[in-house]
Amino acid sequence: MMRWLARQEKVAMFETYLEHYESAIENANAEEEAEAGKDVEAMKGPKMGIFIAKRPYALNQSLTSI
């Protein structure tokens, strides 16, 4: 019983560690994206940008035919 309880406590502590680690990563990524967004907005002029289709116009085309 003592081993089982010790294992349960270790698993709970590890889950807490993982949650803390994941939240720290998410916060760092959000900060980087915000900084990158500011740089992109500063570089763009009015109505400038590249538009890419979400779906191809024609499927299964060879490279030479494109």
PDB file of N, CA and C in Angstrom:
ATOM      1  N   MET A   1       0.830  -1.192   0.000  1.00  0.00           N
ATOM      2  CA  MET A   1       0.000   0.000   0.000  1.00  0.00           C
ATOM      3  C   MET A   1       0.873   1.253   0.000  1.00  0.00           C
ATOM      4  N   MET A   2       1.970   1.202   0.758  1.00  0.00           N
ATOM      5  CA  MET A   2       2.865   2.359   0.820  1.00  0.00           C
ATOM      6  C   MET A   2       3.503   2.626  -0.536  1.00  0.00           C
ATOM      7  N   ARG A   3       3.895   1.566  -1.253  1.00  0.00           N
ATOM      8  CA  ARG A   3       4.477   1.747  -2.585  1.00  0.00           C
ATOM      9  C   ARG A   3       3.463   2.373  -3.532  1.00  0.00           C
ATOM     10  N   TRP A   4       2.232   1.890  -3.477  1.00  0.00           N
ATOM     11  CA  TRP A   4       1.192   2.412  -4.368  1.00  0.00           C
ATOM     12  C   TRP A   4       0.959   3.901  -4.096  1.00  0.00           C
ATOM     13  N   LEU A   5       0.878   4.260  -2.831  1.00  0.00           N
ATOM     14  CA  LEU A   5       0.660   5.651  -2.465  1.00  0.00           C
ATOM     15  C   LEU A   5       1.846   6.523  -2.897  1.00  0.00           C
ATOM     16  N   ALA A   6       3.057   6.022  -2.710  1.00  0.00           N
ATOM     17  CA  ALA A   6       4.248   6.774  -3.112  1.00  0.00           C
ATOM     18  C   ALA A   6       4.249   6.979  -4.626  1.00  0.00           C
ATOM     19  N   ARG A   7       3.867   5.944  -5.370  1.00  0.00           N
ATOM     20  CA  ARG A   7       3.806   6.075  -6.828  1.00  0.00           C
ATOM     21  C   ARG A   7       2.739   7.081  -7.251  1.00  0.00           C
ATOM     22  N   GLN A   8       1.599   7.055  -6.602  1.00  0.00           N
ATOM     23  CA  GLN A   8       0.531   8.000  -6.924  1.00  0.00           C
ATOM     24  C   GLN A   8       0.985   9.431  -6.668  1.00  0.00           C
ATOM     25  N   GLU A   9       1.692   9.656  -5.583  1.00  0.00           N
ATOM     26  CA  GLU A   9       2.202  10.985  -5.277  1.00  0.00           C
ATOM     27  C   GLU A   9       3.229  11.431  -6.315  1.00  0.00           C
ATOM     28  N   LYS A  10       4.095  10.511  -6.729  1.00  0.00           N
ATOM     29  CA  LYS A  10       5.097  10.851  -7.737  1.00  0.00           C
ATOM     30  C   LYS A  10       4.439  11.182  -9.075  1.00  0.00           C
ATOM     31  N   VAL A  11       3.420  10.425  -9.450  1.00  0.00           N
ATOM     32  CA  VAL A  11       2.703  10.698 -10.698  1.00  0.00           C
ATOM     33  C   VAL A  11       2.020  12.058 -10.625  1.00  0.00           C
ATOM     34  N   ALA A  12       1.407  12.363  -9.502  1.00  0.00           N
ATOM     35  CA  ALA A  12       0.742  13.658  -9.332  1.00  0.00           C
ATOM     36  C   ALA A  12       1.757  14.801  -9.408  1.00  0.00           C
ATOM     37  N   MET A  13       2.914  14.630  -8.797  1.00  0.00           N
ATOM     38  CA  MET A  13       3.943  15.662  -8.851  1.00  0.00           C
ATOM     39  C   MET A  13       4.462  15.841 -10.274  1.00  0.00           C
ATOM     40  N   PHE A  14       4.618  14.747 -10.998  1.00  0.00           N
ATOM     41  CA  PHE A  14       5.098  14.825 -12.376  1.00  0.00           C
ATOM     42  C   PHE A  14       4.067  15.515 -13.266  1.00  0.00           C
ATOM     43  N   GLU A  15       2.784  15.225 -13.070  1.00  0.00           N
ATOM     44  CA  GLU A  15       1.735  15.892 -13.842  1.00  0.00           C
ATOM     45  C   GLU A  15       1.739  17.395 -13.564  1.00  0.00           C
ATOM     46  N   THR A  16       1.945  17.785 -12.336  1.00  0.00           N
ATOM     47  CA  THR A  16       2.031  19.208 -11.992  1.00  0.00           C
ATOM     48  C   THR A  16       3.227  19.846 -12.686  1.00  0.00           C
ATOM     49  N   TYR A  17       4.347  19.148 -12.688  1.00  0.00           N
ATOM     50  CA  TYR A  17       5.539  19.641 -13.373  1.00  0.00           C
ATOM     51  C   TYR A  17       5.266  19.829 -14.862  1.00  0.00           C
ATOM     52  N   LEU A  18       4.639  18.842 -15.498  1.00  0.00           N
ATOM     53  CA  LEU A  18       4.349  18.946 -16.925  1.00  0.00           C
ATOM     54  C   LEU A  18       3.415  20.110 -17.228  1.00  0.00           C
ATOM     55  N   GLU A  19       2.393  20.319 -16.406  1.00  0.00           N
ATOM     56  CA  GLU A  19       1.480  21.443 -16.609  1.00  0.00           C
ATOM     57  C   GLU A  19       2.224  22.768 -16.510  1.00  0.00           C
ATOM     58  N   HIS A  20       3.104  22.880 -15.528  1.00  0.00           N
ATOM     59  CA  HIS A  20       3.893  24.108 -15.364  1.00  0.00           C
ATOM     60  C   HIS A  20       4.808  24.311 -16.569  1.00  0.00           C
ATOM     61  N   TYR A  21       5.459  23.258 -17.010  1.00  0.00           N
ATOM     62  CA  TYR A  21       6.382  23.333 -18.145  1.00  0.00           C
ATOM     63  C   TYR A  21       5.634  23.728 -19.415  1.00  0.00           C
ATOM     64  N   GLU A  22       4.471  23.112 -19.678  1.00  0.00           N
ATOM     65  CA  GLU A  22       3.697  23.424 -20.875  1.00  0.00           C
ATOM     66  C   GLU A  22       3.194  24.867 -20.850  1.00  0.00           C
ATOM     67  N   SER A  23       2.771  25.350 -19.697  1.00  0.00           N
ATOM     68  CA  SER A  23       2.298  26.731 -19.619  1.00  0.00           C
ATOM     69  C   SER A  23       3.451  27.704 -19.843  1.00  0.00           C
ATOM     70  N   ALA A  24       4.630  27.370 -19.369  1.00  0.00           N
ATOM     71  CA  ALA A  24       5.791  28.234 -19.592  1.00  0.00           C
ATOM     72  C   ALA A  24       6.139  28.282 -21.073  1.00  0.00           C
ATOM     73  N   ILE A  25       6.061  27.141 -21.753  1.00  0.00           N
ATOM     74  CA  ILE A  25       6.344  27.086 -23.195  1.00  0.00           C
ATOM     75  C   ILE A  25       5.300  27.900 -23.953  1.00  0.00           C
ATOM     76  N   GLU A  26       4.029  27.747 -23.595  1.00  0.00           N
ATOM     77  CA  GLU A  26       2.965  28.482 -24.286  1.00  0.00           C
ATOM     78  C   GLU A  26       3.148  29.991 -24.109  1.00  0.00           C
ATOM     79  N   ASN A  27       3.515  30.429 -22.916  1.00  0.00           N
ATOM     80  CA  ASN A  27       3.734  31.854 -22.667  1.00  0.00           C
ATOM     81  C   ASN A  27       4.899  32.378 -23.505  1.00  0.00           C
ATOM     82  N   ALA A  28       5.970  31.594 -23.598  1.00  0.00           N
ATOM     83  CA  ALA A  28       7.128  32.013 -24.387  1.00  0.00           C
ATOM     84  C   ALA A  28       6.759  32.094 -25.864  1.00  0.00           C
ATOM     85  N   ASN A  29       5.992  31.112 -26.361  1.00  0.00           N
ATOM     86  CA  ASN A  29       5.582  31.124 -27.764  1.00  0.00           C
ATOM     87  C   ASN A  29       4.663  32.300 -28.056  1.00  0.00           C
ATOM     88  N   ALA A  30       3.776  32.619 -27.137  1.00  0.00           N
ATOM     89  CA  ALA A  30       2.859  33.742 -27.337  1.00  0.00           C
ATOM     90  C   ALA A  30       3.629  35.053 -27.414  1.00  0.00           C
ATOM     91  N   GLU A  31       4.639  35.205 -26.572  1.00  0.00           N
ATOM     92  CA  GLU A  31       5.459  36.418 -26.595  1.00  0.00           C
ATOM     93  C   GLU A  31       6.220  36.534 -27.911  1.00  0.00           C
ATOM     94  N   GLU A  32       6.783  35.410 -28.393  1.00  0.00           N
ATOM     95  CA  GLU A  32       7.517  35.429 -29.660  1.00  0.00           C
ATOM     96  C   GLU A  32       6.580  35.762 -30.821  1.00  0.00           C
ATOM     97  N   GLU A  33       5.377  35.192 -30.820  1.00  0.00           N
ATOM     98  CA  GLU A  33       4.422  35.474 -31.889  1.00  0.00           C
ATOM     99  C   GLU A  33       3.992  36.934 -31.877  1.00  0.00           C
ATOM    100  N   ALA A  34       3.824  37.497 -30.692  1.00  0.00           N
ATOM    101  CA  ALA A  34       3.430  38.900 -30.597  1.00  0.00           C
ATOM    102  C   ALA A  34       4.537  39.800 -31.153  1.00  0.00           C
ATOM    103  N   GLU A  35       5.785  39.482 -30.829  1.00  0.00           N
ATOM    104  CA  GLU A  35       6.903  40.268 -31.345  1.00  0.00           C
ATOM    105  C   GLU A  35       7.026  40.109 -32.847  1.00  0.00           C
ATOM    106  N   ALA A  36       6.841  38.888 -33.355  1.00  0.00           N
ATOM    107  CA  ALA A  36       6.924  38.649 -34.796  1.00  0.00           C
ATOM    108  C   ALA A  36       5.784  39.359 -35.511  1.00  0.00           C
ATOM    109  N   GLY A  37       4.609  39.382 -34.922  1.00  0.00           N
ATOM    110  CA  GLY A  37       3.467  40.068 -35.519  1.00  0.00           C
ATOM    111  C   GLY A  37       3.709  41.560 -35.634  1.00  0.00           C
ATOM    112  N   LYS A  38       4.365  42.145 -34.647  1.00  0.00           N
ATOM    113  CA  LYS A  38       4.676  43.570 -34.689  1.00  0.00           C
ATOM    114  C   LYS A  38       5.640  43.865 -35.828  1.00  0.00           C
ATOM    115  N   ASP A  39       6.634  42.975 -36.021  1.00  0.00           N
ATOM    116  CA  ASP A  39       7.597  43.172 -37.097  1.00  0.00           C
ATOM    117  C   ASP A  39       6.928  43.074 -38.460  1.00  0.00           C
ATOM    118  N   VAL A  40       6.040  42.105 -38.630  1.00  0.00           N
ATOM    119  CA  VAL A  40       5.354  41.922 -39.898  1.00  0.00           C
ATOM    120  C   VAL A  40       4.443  43.102 -40.182  1.00  0.00           C
ATOM    121  N   GLU A  41       3.725  43.573 -39.176  1.00  0.00           N
ATOM    122  CA  GLU A  41       2.840  44.719 -39.370  1.00  0.00           C
ATOM    123  C   GLU A  41       3.631  45.956 -39.753  1.00  0.00           C
ATOM    124  N   ALA A  42       4.806  46.127 -39.204  1.00  0.00           N
ATOM    125  CA  ALA A  42       5.626  47.287 -39.528  1.00  0.00           C
ATOM    126  C   ALA A  42       6.134  47.214 -40.967  1.00  0.00           C
ATOM    127  N   MET A  43       6.390  45.999 -41.476  1.00  0.00           N
ATOM    128  CA  MET A  43       6.904  45.838 -42.828  1.00  0.00           C
ATOM    129  C   MET A  43       5.818  45.975 -43.884  1.00  0.00           C
ATOM    130  N   LYS A  44       4.603  45.632 -43.565  1.00  0.00           N
ATOM    131  CA  LYS A  44       3.523  45.666 -44.540  1.00  0.00           C
ATOM    132  C   LYS A  44       3.057  47.089 -44.802  1.00  0.00           C
ATOM    133  N   GLY A  45       2.767  47.344 -46.055  1.00  0.00           N
ATOM    134  CA  GLY A  45       2.143  48.598 -46.419  1.00  0.00           C
ATOM    135  C   GLY A  45       0.645  48.359 -46.485  1.00  0.00           C
ATOM    136  N   PRO A  46      -0.088  49.309 -47.003  1.00  0.00           N
ATOM    137  CA  PRO A  46      -1.534  49.117 -47.107  1.00  0.00           C
ATOM    138  C   PRO A  46      -1.892  48.038 -48.121  1.00  0.00           C
ATOM    139  N   LYS A  47      -2.698  47.057 -47.700  1.00  0.00           N
ATOM    140  CA  LYS A  47      -3.229  45.985 -48.554  1.00  0.00           C
ATOM    141  C   LYS A  47      -2.135  45.182 -49.249  1.00  0.00           C
ATOM    142  N   MET A  48      -1.007  44.985 -48.587  1.00  0.00           N
ATOM    143  CA  MET A  48       0.059  44.189 -49.180  1.00  0.00           C
ATOM    144  C   MET A  48       0.069  42.821 -48.522  1.00  0.00           C
ATOM    145  N   GLY A  49       0.526  41.819 -49.278  1.00  0.00           N
ATOM    146  CA  GLY A  49       0.646  40.495 -48.715  1.00  0.00           C
ATOM    147  C   GLY A  49       0.604  39.446 -49.795  1.00  0.00           C
ATOM    148  N   ILE A  50       0.815  38.234 -49.407  1.00  0.00           N
ATOM    149  CA  ILE A  50       0.776  37.100 -50.326  1.00  0.00           C
ATOM    150  C   ILE A  50      -0.441  36.267 -49.964  1.00  0.00           C
ATOM    151  N   PHE A  51      -1.206  35.905 -50.956  1.00  0.00           N
ATOM    152  CA  PHE A  51      -2.381  35.077 -50.739  1.00  0.00           C
ATOM    153  C   PHE A  51      -2.133  33.699 -51.329  1.00  0.00           C
ATOM    154  N   ILE A  52      -2.360  32.676 -50.530  1.00  0.00           N
ATOM    155  CA  ILE A  52      -2.151  31.301 -50.958  1.00  0.00           C
ATOM    156  C   ILE A  52      -3.479  30.573 -50.854  1.00  0.00           C
ATOM    157  N   ALA A  53      -3.804  29.802 -51.878  1.00  0.00           N
ATOM    158  CA  ALA A  53      -5.059  29.057 -51.890  1.00  0.00           C
ATOM    159  C   ALA A  53      -5.030  27.961 -50.833  1.00  0.00           C
ATOM    160  N   LYS A  54      -6.173  27.721 -50.230  1.00  0.00           N
ATOM    161  CA  LYS A  54      -6.267  26.647 -49.239  1.00  0.00           C
ATOM    162  C   LYS A  54      -6.364  25.286 -49.918  1.00  0.00           C
ATOM    163  N   ARG A  55      -6.972  25.253 -51.085  1.00  0.00           N
ATOM    164  CA  ARG A  55      -7.129  24.006 -51.828  1.00  0.00           C
ATOM    165  C   ARG A  55      -6.577  24.197 -53.242  1.00  0.00           C
ATOM    166  N   PRO A  56      -5.950  23.175 -53.803  1.00  0.00           N
ATOM    167  CA  PRO A  56      -5.398  23.317 -55.151  1.00  0.00           C
ATOM    168  C   PRO A  56      -6.503  23.434 -56.200  1.00  0.00           C
ATOM    169  N   TYR A  57      -6.199  24.160 -57.270  1.00  0.00           N
ATOM    170  CA  TYR A  57      -7.162  24.335 -58.355  1.00  0.00           C
ATOM    171  C   TYR A  57      -7.374  23.015 -59.081  1.00  0.00           C
ATOM    172  N   ALA A  58      -6.286  22.298 -59.347  1.00  0.00           N
ATOM    173  CA  ALA A  58      -6.356  21.010 -60.035  1.00  0.00           C
ATOM    174  C   ALA A  58      -5.534  19.997 -59.239  1.00  0.00           C
ATOM    175  N   LEU A  59      -6.117  18.857 -58.997  1.00  0.00           N
ATOM    176  CA  LEU A  59      -5.441  17.827 -58.210  1.00  0.00           C
ATOM    177  C   LEU A  59      -4.533  16.954 -59.089  1.00  0.00           C
ATOM    178  N   ASN A  60      -3.546  16.335 -58.479  1.00  0.00           N
ATOM    179  CA  ASN A  60      -2.679  15.336 -59.094  1.00  0.00           C
ATOM    180  C   ASN A  60      -2.003  15.842 -60.372  1.00  0.00           C
ATOM    181  N   GLN A  61      -1.442  17.022 -60.335  1.00  0.00           N
ATOM    182  CA  GLN A  61      -0.711  17.577 -61.466  1.00  0.00           C
ATOM    183  C   GLN A  61       0.773  17.209 -61.323  1.00  0.00           C
ATOM    184  N   SER A  62       1.392  16.900 -62.441  1.00  0.00           N
ATOM    185  CA  SER A  62       2.828  16.636 -62.394  1.00  0.00           C
ATOM    186  C   SER A  62       3.571  17.960 -62.323  1.00  0.00           C
ATOM    187  N   LEU A  63       4.790  17.903 -61.882  1.00  0.00           N
ATOM    188  CA  LEU A  63       5.589  19.110 -61.729  1.00  0.00           C
ATOM    189  C   LEU A  63       5.831  19.777 -63.077  1.00  0.00           C
ATOM    190  N   THR A  64       6.035  18.983 -64.098  1.00  0.00           N
ATOM    191  CA  THR A  64       6.304  19.559 -65.430  1.00  0.00           C
ATOM    192  C   THR A  64       5.060  20.265 -65.995  1.00  0.00           C
ATOM    193  N   SER A  65       3.874  19.785 -65.696  1.00  0.00           N
ATOM    194  CA  SER A  65       2.664  20.420 -66.210  1.00  0.00           C
ATOM    195  C   SER A  65       2.354  21.720 -65.486  1.00  0.00           C
ATOM    196  N   ILE A  66       2.871  21.860 -64.282  1.00  0.00           N
ATOM    197  CA  ILE A  66       2.634  23.091 -63.527  1.00  0.00           C
ATOM    198  C   ILE A  66       3.520  24.171 -64.092  1.00  0.00           C
TER     199      ILE A  66
END
